[in-house]
Structures are given as C-alpha cells and as structure tokens.
Amino acid sequence: MKKEEILSLVSKFKLLFESLRQKTDVDEIREKFELDTNGLTRIYERIKTSSGYKNLPLEYQSYFALDDDLGCKYFFHNDLGGGEFSLKWIYLTLNLDDYDEGLGYEGQPEEEVKLFKTFRVIDSHPDAGDNKWGVISLVEGISPPNEPPVYFVDRGRAFNMDMFYGDYIDALLATYAIYDWQYLYCDVDLSEESEFSYVYNSLDKGIKGLEDAFPEKDFSKLRDLLESKR
C-alpha cells in the first residue's frame, strides 16, 4: 500500500472536517490518524496471520490509519438537523474473542442473541446517546478468513447494510454522517404507513440541511436513495 493512498483517505476526512467548520455549527471534531506506513503494514500482516484474515483486502492498510477516537458532531443552520460519527479503530474490532454487550435488549429472541454476539462496534453516537451503531459481524470460518459484513443496529434492531467496511466509510463521507444516514443503504420501508416513517422525516431534513449548507454540491443520489424507500 502506497503512502499516497493512505494520505488520500486521511485527506478526505480532513476536507470533511474543514467543510463542516466553515458551513455548520460544529459541536466537536476529533482528528486522530496513524500515518506510519511501515506500522500500518505490520498491523495488516499481523491481522492476516495471527487473526486468520487471510482474505482481507489490501485497502485495510489505509483503513487502519483511521485511529481510535476519530469523529465529530455538528448541526446545520436553520434547524435542519445535523450529524455525528465516532469511529472505533477497525484494528480493535477484528477480534473473535470479545463481543460488544448492550447492543440487544432484555427478552431478545435466541436467534437474534446469537447474531448480536457476532457484532463488533465500528461507529457510534456517544454524544447523542441514541443507541445507534455501525457494526461488523464476525463469524468464525466465514469472517475470518474473509472480510466481515457491516450491519446497522438501531435500538436493538439489526439491518444488513449489504456492504463492507470500506463501503461504510465511503457512504459516511458521502452523507456527511447526517443522522440516520445508514437507513439509506438498508432494505427498509420508510413510507408513511411503516413503523420507520419518522426516519424518512429525519433524513429528509438532513438532506435539506446538506443542500442548504453546500449548494455547490449535488446530493441527488442521496435524495433518490431516500425516495426509493417510500
């Protein structure tokens, strides 16, 4: 992995933070990156060998540069919502031995409990405290050796996002991590008759916030994704 590719990913987050500082009311920004190329290579090789991820894509050397405690929280002007993310260092999540308790709920069906025990948190909302997490699912014999899939957990409900970690990072950047952005990539009904109709309103407000803050950018793809859920 070339240093230029690692710096390219880091620069995308730096650009995101700078844009938010200029166009929104920023509550907090935490910037922490690991830029030692040799160290990232060693981490990647260690994960492939000692943790059994022999099929882990080379791009993870870049993802490992997104160190623990990287995140932000902000609000749009004109009461148009906001966004938040707090990434956990992906290196710390690729561990079969430990699982994140507290993602489920009391009385949860046994099959769901089994699924939730495979989850490792990669993204959260510590300031909002809304019990919404981006997670990866580790299943021995599947991931590892392969790259783990990503789910979105909302107050005890899990949704397969049909993506991997790199896709999640790309989507987070594209959506500026507006609240509930993960629903845009889940197979879920957001119509007025559904139990998730409130999510449509949240995302509609968030996308309007993006359009208002960044009129020079095209957010039509996000709008199309949202309308496809109605």
C-alpha atoms as a PDB file:
ATOM      1  CA  MET A   1       0.000   0.000   0.000  1.00  0.00           C
ATOM      2  CA  LYS A   2       1.492   3.310  -1.074  1.00  0.00           C
ATOM      3  CA  LYS A   3       1.655   6.193   1.386  1.00  0.00           C
ATOM      4  CA  GLU A   4      -0.194   8.343  -1.167  1.00  0.00           C
ATOM      5  CA  GLU A   5      -3.247   6.062  -0.931  1.00  0.00           C
ATOM      6  CA  ILE A   6      -3.263   6.292   2.854  1.00  0.00           C
ATOM      7  CA  LEU A   7      -2.930  10.068   2.736  1.00  0.00           C
ATOM      8  CA  SER A   8      -5.753  10.212   0.189  1.00  0.00           C
ATOM      9  CA  LEU A   9      -8.187   8.653   2.660  1.00  0.00           C
ATOM     10  CA  VAL A  10      -6.974  10.851   5.501  1.00  0.00           C
ATOM     11  CA  SER A  11      -7.328  13.947   3.310  1.00  0.00           C
ATOM     12  CA  LYS A  12     -10.984  13.095   2.650  1.00  0.00           C
ATOM     13  CA  PHE A  13     -11.694  13.262   6.377  1.00  0.00           C
ATOM     14  CA  LYS A  14      -9.687  16.457   6.769  1.00  0.00           C
ATOM     15  CA  LEU A  15     -11.684  18.006   3.917  1.00  0.00           C
ATOM     16  CA  LEU A  16     -14.933  16.873   5.553  1.00  0.00           C
ATOM     17  CA  PHE A  17     -13.943  18.479   8.846  1.00  0.00           C
ATOM     18  CA  GLU A  18     -12.886  21.720   7.170  1.00  0.00           C
ATOM     19  CA  SER A  19     -16.172  21.909   5.255  1.00  0.00           C
ATOM     20  CA  LEU A  20     -18.155  21.362   8.435  1.00  0.00           C
ATOM     21  CA  ARG A  21     -16.189  24.049  10.263  1.00  0.00           C
ATOM     22  CA  GLN A  22     -16.969  26.540   7.515  1.00  0.00           C
ATOM     23  CA  LYS A  23     -20.630  25.765   6.840  1.00  0.00           C
ATOM     24  CA  THR A  24     -22.163  24.307  10.017  1.00  0.00           C
ATOM     25  CA  ASP A  25     -22.262  24.751  13.767  1.00  0.00           C
ATOM     26  CA  VAL A  26     -19.601  22.301  14.906  1.00  0.00           C
ATOM     27  CA  ASP A  27     -20.000  20.967  18.424  1.00  0.00           C
ATOM     28  CA  GLU A  28     -16.895  18.759  18.363  1.00  0.00           C
ATOM     29  CA  ILE A  29     -14.279  17.438  15.953  1.00  0.00           C
ATOM     30  CA  ARG A  30     -11.721  14.810  16.903  1.00  0.00           C
ATOM     31  CA  GLU A  31      -8.934  14.199  14.408  1.00  0.00           C
ATOM     32  CA  LYS A  32      -6.614  11.282  15.058  1.00  0.00           C
ATOM     33  CA  PHE A  33      -4.744   9.434  12.324  1.00  0.00           C
ATOM     34  CA  GLU A  34      -1.966   6.846  12.217  1.00  0.00           C
ATOM     35  CA  LEU A  35       0.397   7.731   9.360  1.00  0.00           C
ATOM     36  CA  ASP A  36       3.324   5.347   9.940  1.00  0.00           C
ATOM     37  CA  THR A  37       3.202   3.360   6.683  1.00  0.00           C
ATOM     38  CA  ASN A  38       5.517   0.638   7.953  1.00  0.00           C
ATOM     39  CA  GLY A  39       3.496   0.312  11.132  1.00  0.00           C
ATOM     40  CA  LEU A  40       0.245   0.002   9.174  1.00  0.00           C
ATOM     41  CA  THR A  41       1.796  -2.713   7.022  1.00  0.00           C
ATOM     42  CA  ARG A  42       2.852  -4.646  10.125  1.00  0.00           C
ATOM     43  CA  ILE A  43      -0.656  -4.358  11.579  1.00  0.00           C
ATOM     44  CA  TYR A  44      -2.156  -5.628   8.326  1.00  0.00           C
ATOM     45  CA  GLU A  45       0.189  -8.633   8.188  1.00  0.00           C
ATOM     46  CA  ARG A  46      -0.471  -9.417  11.853  1.00  0.00           C
ATOM     47  CA  ILE A  47      -4.228  -9.430  11.290  1.00  0.00           C
ATOM     48  CA  LYS A  48      -3.864 -11.704   8.266  1.00  0.00           C
ATOM     49  CA  THR A  49      -1.641 -14.221  10.046  1.00  0.00           C
ATOM     50  CA  SER A  50      -2.384 -14.266  13.782  1.00  0.00           C
ATOM     51  CA  SER A  51      -6.096 -13.420  13.473  1.00  0.00           C
ATOM     52  CA  GLY A  52      -6.716 -15.567  10.384  1.00  0.00           C
ATOM     53  CA  TYR A  53      -7.975 -12.889   7.955  1.00  0.00           C
ATOM     54  CA  LYS A  54      -6.047 -14.313   5.024  1.00  0.00           C
ATOM     55  CA  ASN A  55      -8.521 -12.824   2.509  1.00  0.00           C
ATOM     56  CA  LEU A  56      -8.548  -9.312   3.989  1.00  0.00           C
ATOM     57  CA  PRO A  57      -8.301  -6.708   1.194  1.00  0.00           C
ATOM     58  CA  LEU A  58      -5.082  -4.700   0.950  1.00  0.00           C
ATOM     59  CA  GLU A  59      -7.116  -1.495   1.374  1.00  0.00           C
ATOM     60  CA  TYR A  60      -7.259  -2.203   5.113  1.00  0.00           C
ATOM     61  CA  GLN A  61      -3.774  -0.740   5.407  1.00  0.00           C
ATOM     62  CA  SER A  62      -5.444   2.605   4.655  1.00  0.00           C
ATOM     63  CA  TYR A  63      -8.397   1.928   6.970  1.00  0.00           C
ATOM     64  CA  PHE A  64      -6.015   1.211   9.852  1.00  0.00           C
ATOM     65  CA  ALA A  65      -4.882   4.844   9.520  1.00  0.00           C
ATOM     66  CA  LEU A  66      -8.291   5.896  10.897  1.00  0.00           C
ATOM     67  CA  ASP A  67      -7.212   5.687  14.507  1.00  0.00           C
ATOM     68  CA  ASP A  68      -9.426   5.339  17.557  1.00  0.00           C
ATOM     69  CA  ASP A  69     -11.359   8.449  18.628  1.00  0.00           C
ATOM     70  CA  LEU A  70     -11.886   9.905  15.146  1.00  0.00           C
ATOM     71  CA  GLY A  71     -15.222  11.654  14.883  1.00  0.00           C
ATOM     72  CA  CYS A  72     -17.387  14.753  15.031  1.00  0.00           C
ATOM     73  CA  LYS A  73     -20.774  16.182  15.913  1.00  0.00           C
ATOM     74  CA  TYR A  74     -22.381  19.161  14.187  1.00  0.00           C
ATOM     75  CA  PHE A  75     -25.665  20.921  13.442  1.00  0.00           C
ATOM     76  CA  PHE A  76     -26.943  22.649  10.334  1.00  0.00           C
ATOM     77  CA  HIS A  77     -28.198  26.210  10.440  1.00  0.00           C
ATOM     78  CA  ASN A  78     -31.956  26.875  10.185  1.00  0.00           C
ATOM     79  CA  ASP A  79     -32.903  23.891  12.387  1.00  0.00           C
ATOM     80  CA  LEU A  80     -32.192  21.355   9.638  1.00  0.00           C
ATOM     81  CA  GLY A  81     -30.755  18.605  11.786  1.00  0.00           C
ATOM     82  CA  GLY A  82     -27.124  17.588  11.887  1.00  0.00           C
ATOM     83  CA  GLY A  83     -24.824  14.616  12.039  1.00  0.00           C
ATOM     84  CA  GLU A  84     -22.398  12.632  14.141  1.00  0.00           C
ATOM     85  CA  PHE A  85     -19.941   9.777  13.948  1.00  0.00           C
ATOM     86  CA  SER A  86     -17.323   8.270  16.232  1.00  0.00           C
ATOM     87  CA  LEU A  87     -15.173   5.622  14.598  1.00  0.00           C
ATOM     88  CA  LYS A  88     -13.549   2.867  16.575  1.00  0.00           C
ATOM     89  CA  TRP A  89     -10.158   1.761  15.286  1.00  0.00           C
ATOM     90  CA  ILE A  90     -11.034  -1.134  12.990  1.00  0.00           C
ATOM     91  CA  TYR A  91      -7.920  -2.986  14.173  1.00  0.00           C
ATOM     92  CA  LEU A  92      -9.509  -3.277  17.625  1.00  0.00           C
ATOM     93  CA  THR A  93     -12.744  -4.782  16.306  1.00  0.00           C
ATOM     94  CA  LEU A  94     -11.385  -7.757  14.336  1.00  0.00           C
ATOM     95  CA  ASN A  95     -11.368  -9.998  17.393  1.00  0.00           C
ATOM     96  CA  LEU A  96     -13.452 -13.140  17.717  1.00  0.00           C
ATOM     97  CA  ASP A  97     -12.960 -13.456  21.482  1.00  0.00           C
ATOM     98  CA  ASP A  98     -14.759 -10.342  22.669  1.00  0.00           C
ATOM     99  CA  TYR A  99     -18.185  -9.072  21.720  1.00  0.00           C
ATOM    100  CA  ASP A 100     -19.956  -5.826  22.498  1.00  0.00           C
ATOM    101  CA  GLU A 101     -22.629  -6.338  25.133  1.00  0.00           C
ATOM    102  CA  GLY A 102     -25.541  -3.964  25.420  1.00  0.00           C
ATOM    103  CA  LEU A 103     -26.499  -3.860  21.740  1.00  0.00           C
ATOM    104  CA  GLY A 104     -29.537  -6.057  22.230  1.00  0.00           C
ATOM    105  CA  TYR A 105     -32.391  -5.919  24.720  1.00  0.00           C
ATOM    106  CA  GLU A 106     -33.937  -7.956  27.504  1.00  0.00           C
ATOM    107  CA  GLY A 107     -36.097 -10.790  26.206  1.00  0.00           C
ATOM    108  CA  GLN A 108     -34.487 -10.757  22.772  1.00  0.00           C
ATOM    109  CA  PRO A 109     -35.164 -13.969  20.772  1.00  0.00           C
ATOM    110  CA  GLU A 110     -32.352 -16.526  20.949  1.00  0.00           C
ATOM    111  CA  GLU A 111     -31.610 -16.372  17.215  1.00  0.00           C
ATOM    112  CA  GLU A 112     -31.147 -12.615  17.452  1.00  0.00           C
ATOM    113  CA  VAL A 113     -28.941 -13.027  20.515  1.00  0.00           C
ATOM    114  CA  LYS A 114     -26.675 -15.330  18.501  1.00  0.00           C
ATOM    115  CA  LEU A 115     -26.454 -12.770  15.703  1.00  0.00           C
ATOM    116  CA  PHE A 116     -25.787  -9.875  18.082  1.00  0.00           C
ATOM    117  CA  LYS A 117     -22.927 -11.802  19.703  1.00  0.00           C
ATOM    118  CA  THR A 118     -21.153 -11.650  16.335  1.00  0.00           C
ATOM    119  CA  PHE A 119     -21.300  -7.835  16.286  1.00  0.00           C
ATOM    120  CA  ARG A 120     -18.331  -5.530  16.947  1.00  0.00           C
ATOM    121  CA  VAL A 121     -18.989  -1.763  17.036  1.00  0.00           C
ATOM    122  CA  ILE A 122     -17.172   0.317  14.419  1.00  0.00           C
ATOM    123  CA  ASP A 123     -19.164   3.573  14.681  1.00  0.00           C
ATOM    124  CA  SER A 124     -21.388   5.147  17.330  1.00  0.00           C
ATOM    125  CA  HIS A 125     -23.095   8.330  18.561  1.00  0.00           C
ATOM    126  CA  PRO A 126     -21.633   8.870  22.038  1.00  0.00           C
ATOM    127  CA  ASP A 127     -22.941  12.443  22.294  1.00  0.00           C
ATOM    128  CA  ALA A 128     -26.467  11.794  21.035  1.00  0.00           C
ATOM    129  CA  GLY A 129     -26.651   8.575  23.046  1.00  0.00           C
ATOM    130  CA  ASP A 130     -29.333   7.252  20.692  1.00  0.00           C
ATOM    131  CA  ASN A 131     -28.296   3.582  20.793  1.00  0.00           C
ATOM    132  CA  LYS A 132     -27.449   3.504  17.074  1.00  0.00           C
ATOM    133  CA  TRP A 133     -24.308   1.727  15.937  1.00  0.00           C
ATOM    134  CA  GLY A 134     -22.477   0.671  12.830  1.00  0.00           C
ATOM    135  CA  VAL A 135     -21.134  -2.847  13.444  1.00  0.00           C
ATOM    136  CA  ILE A 136     -19.289  -5.638  11.687  1.00  0.00           C
ATOM    137  CA  SER A 137     -20.279  -9.293  12.060  1.00  0.00           C
ATOM    138  CA  LEU A 138     -17.550 -11.819  12.894  1.00  0.00           C
ATOM    139  CA  VAL A 139     -18.376 -15.490  12.304  1.00  0.00           C
ATOM    140  CA  GLU A 140     -15.509 -17.957  12.687  1.00  0.00           C
ATOM    141  CA  GLY A 141     -14.895 -19.834   9.459  1.00  0.00           C
ATOM    142  CA  ILE A 142     -16.546 -17.062   7.432  1.00  0.00           C
ATOM    143  CA  SER A 143     -15.098 -13.798   8.712  1.00  0.00           C
ATOM    144  CA  PRO A 144     -12.307 -14.622   9.320  1.00  0.00           C
ATOM    145  CA  PRO A 145     -10.906 -15.663   6.889  1.00  0.00           C
ATOM    146  CA  ASN A 146     -12.982 -13.247   4.793  1.00  0.00           C
ATOM    147  CA  GLU A 147     -13.787  -9.579   5.289  1.00  0.00           C
ATOM    148  CA  PRO A 148     -16.714  -9.146   7.725  1.00  0.00           C
ATOM    149  CA  PRO A 149     -20.006  -7.589   6.538  1.00  0.00           C
ATOM    150  CA  VAL A 150     -21.487  -4.422   8.045  1.00  0.00           C
ATOM    151  CA  TYR A 151     -24.815  -4.111   9.872  1.00  0.00           C
ATOM    152  CA  PHE A 152     -26.646  -1.125  11.325  1.00  0.00           C
ATOM    153  CA  VAL A 153     -28.155  -1.516  14.792  1.00  0.00           C
ATOM    154  CA  ASP A 154     -30.900   0.871  15.887  1.00  0.00           C
ATOM    155  CA  ARG A 155     -32.113   0.344  19.453  1.00  0.00           C
ATOM    156  CA  GLY A 156     -31.972  -3.432  19.295  1.00  0.00           C
ATOM    157  CA  ARG A 157     -32.976  -3.822  15.634  1.00  0.00           C
ATOM    158  CA  ALA A 158     -30.295  -5.031  13.202  1.00  0.00           C
ATOM    159  CA  PHE A 159     -30.223  -4.273   9.466  1.00  0.00           C
ATOM    160  CA  ASN A 160     -27.820  -5.813   6.975  1.00  0.00           C
ATOM    161  CA  MET A 161     -26.311  -2.912   5.028  1.00  0.00           C
ATOM    162  CA  ASP A 162     -25.032  -5.204   2.252  1.00  0.00           C
ATOM    163  CA  MET A 163     -21.603  -3.577   2.371  1.00  0.00           C
ATOM    164  CA  PHE A 164     -18.125  -3.910   3.846  1.00  0.00           C
ATOM    165  CA  TYR A 165     -16.048  -1.512   5.935  1.00  0.00           C
ATOM    166  CA  GLY A 166     -14.643   0.456   3.010  1.00  0.00           C
ATOM    167  CA  ASP A 167     -18.150   0.916   1.600  1.00  0.00           C
ATOM    168  CA  TYR A 168     -19.300   2.139   5.010  1.00  0.00           C
ATOM    169  CA  ILE A 169     -16.531   4.737   5.158  1.00  0.00           C
ATOM    170  CA  ASP A 170     -17.322   5.917   1.617  1.00  0.00           C
ATOM    171  CA  ALA A 171     -21.017   6.245   2.472  1.00  0.00           C
ATOM    172  CA  LEU A 172     -20.274   8.060   5.731  1.00  0.00           C
ATOM    173  CA  LEU A 173     -18.203  10.618   3.829  1.00  0.00           C
ATOM    174  CA  ALA A 174     -20.795  10.980   1.044  1.00  0.00           C
ATOM    175  CA  THR A 175     -23.618  11.618   3.519  1.00  0.00           C
ATOM    176  CA  TYR A 176     -21.564  13.788   5.889  1.00  0.00           C
ATOM    177  CA  ALA A 177     -22.769  11.313   8.535  1.00  0.00           C
ATOM    178  CA  ILE A 178     -26.162  13.001   8.855  1.00  0.00           C
ATOM    179  CA  TYR A 179     -28.301  11.320  11.489  1.00  0.00           C
ATOM    180  CA  ASP A 180     -29.892   8.063  10.271  1.00  0.00           C
ATOM    181  CA  TRP A 181     -27.837   8.021   7.041  1.00  0.00           C
ATOM    182  CA  GLN A 182     -27.359   4.261   7.368  1.00  0.00           C
ATOM    183  CA  TYR A 183     -31.037   3.692   6.575  1.00  0.00           C
ATOM    184  CA  LEU A 184     -30.363   4.901   3.031  1.00  0.00           C
ATOM    185  CA  TYR A 185     -28.400   1.683   2.485  1.00  0.00           C
ATOM    186  CA  CYS A 186     -30.728  -0.741   4.299  1.00  0.00           C
ATOM    187  CA  ASP A 187     -33.641  -2.711   2.875  1.00  0.00           C
ATOM    188  CA  VAL A 188     -36.342  -0.948   4.883  1.00  0.00           C
ATOM    189  CA  ASP A 189     -39.721   0.643   4.219  1.00  0.00           C
ATOM    190  CA  LEU A 190     -39.829   4.335   5.145  1.00  0.00           C
ATOM    191  CA  SER A 191     -43.339   5.012   3.849  1.00  0.00           C
ATOM    192  CA  GLU A 192     -45.906   6.928   5.881  1.00  0.00           C
ATOM    193  CA  GLU A 193     -47.604   3.657   6.830  1.00  0.00           C
ATOM    194  CA  SER A 194     -44.423   1.992   8.142  1.00  0.00           C
ATOM    195  CA  GLU A 195     -43.063   1.977  11.675  1.00  0.00           C
ATOM    196  CA  PHE A 196     -39.995   3.816  10.345  1.00  0.00           C
ATOM    197  CA  SER A 197     -41.825   6.767   8.800  1.00  0.00           C
ATOM    198  CA  TYR A 198     -40.083   9.071  11.287  1.00  0.00           C
ATOM    199  CA  VAL A 199     -36.742   8.061   9.732  1.00  0.00           C
ATOM    200  CA  TYR A 200     -37.883   9.442   6.380  1.00  0.00           C
ATOM    201  CA  ASN A 201     -38.586  12.794   8.020  1.00  0.00           C
ATOM    202  CA  SER A 202     -35.195  12.771   9.754  1.00  0.00           C
ATOM    203  CA  LEU A 203     -33.345  12.023   6.512  1.00  0.00           C
ATOM    204  CA  ASP A 204     -35.413  14.477   4.505  1.00  0.00           C
ATOM    205  CA  LYS A 205     -34.426  17.206   6.962  1.00  0.00           C
ATOM    206  CA  GLY A 206     -30.781  16.104   6.928  1.00  0.00           C
ATOM    207  CA  ILE A 207     -30.518  16.112   3.141  1.00  0.00           C
ATOM    208  CA  LYS A 208     -32.151  19.552   3.048  1.00  0.00           C
ATOM    209  CA  GLY A 209     -29.518  20.617   5.546  1.00  0.00           C
ATOM    210  CA  LEU A 210     -26.764  19.383   3.210  1.00  0.00           C
ATOM    211  CA  GLU A 211     -28.335  21.138   0.235  1.00  0.00           C
ATOM    212  CA  ASP A 212     -28.631  24.370   2.209  1.00  0.00           C
ATOM    213  CA  ALA A 213     -25.086  24.237   3.613  1.00  0.00           C
ATOM    214  CA  PHE A 214     -23.368  23.062   0.437  1.00  0.00           C
ATOM    215  CA  PRO A 215     -25.369  24.398  -2.556  1.00  0.00           C
ATOM    216  CA  GLU A 216     -22.407  23.813  -4.864  1.00  0.00           C
ATOM    217  CA  LYS A 217     -22.605  20.046  -4.321  1.00  0.00           C
ATOM    218  CA  ASP A 218     -25.014  17.521  -5.838  1.00  0.00           C
ATOM    219  CA  PHE A 219     -26.901  15.411  -3.303  1.00  0.00           C
ATOM    220  CA  SER A 220     -29.419  13.998  -5.793  1.00  0.00           C
ATOM    221  CA  LYS A 221     -28.134  10.441  -5.262  1.00  0.00           C
ATOM    222  CA  LEU A 222     -28.963  10.668  -1.573  1.00  0.00           C
ATOM    223  CA  ARG A 223     -32.387  12.110  -2.397  1.00  0.00           C
ATOM    224  CA  ASP A 224     -33.005   9.254  -4.881  1.00  0.00           C
ATOM    225  CA  LEU A 225     -31.983   6.674  -2.285  1.00  0.00           C
ATOM    226  CA  LEU A 226     -34.386   8.200   0.210  1.00  0.00           C
ATOM    227  CA  GLU A 227     -37.316   8.348  -2.195  1.00  0.00           C
ATOM    228  CA  SER A 228     -36.715   4.724  -3.202  1.00  0.00           C
ATOM    229  CA  LYS A 229     -37.645   3.747   0.370  1.00  0.00           C
ATOM    230  CA  ARG A 230     -41.151   5.255   0.118  1.00  0.00           C
END
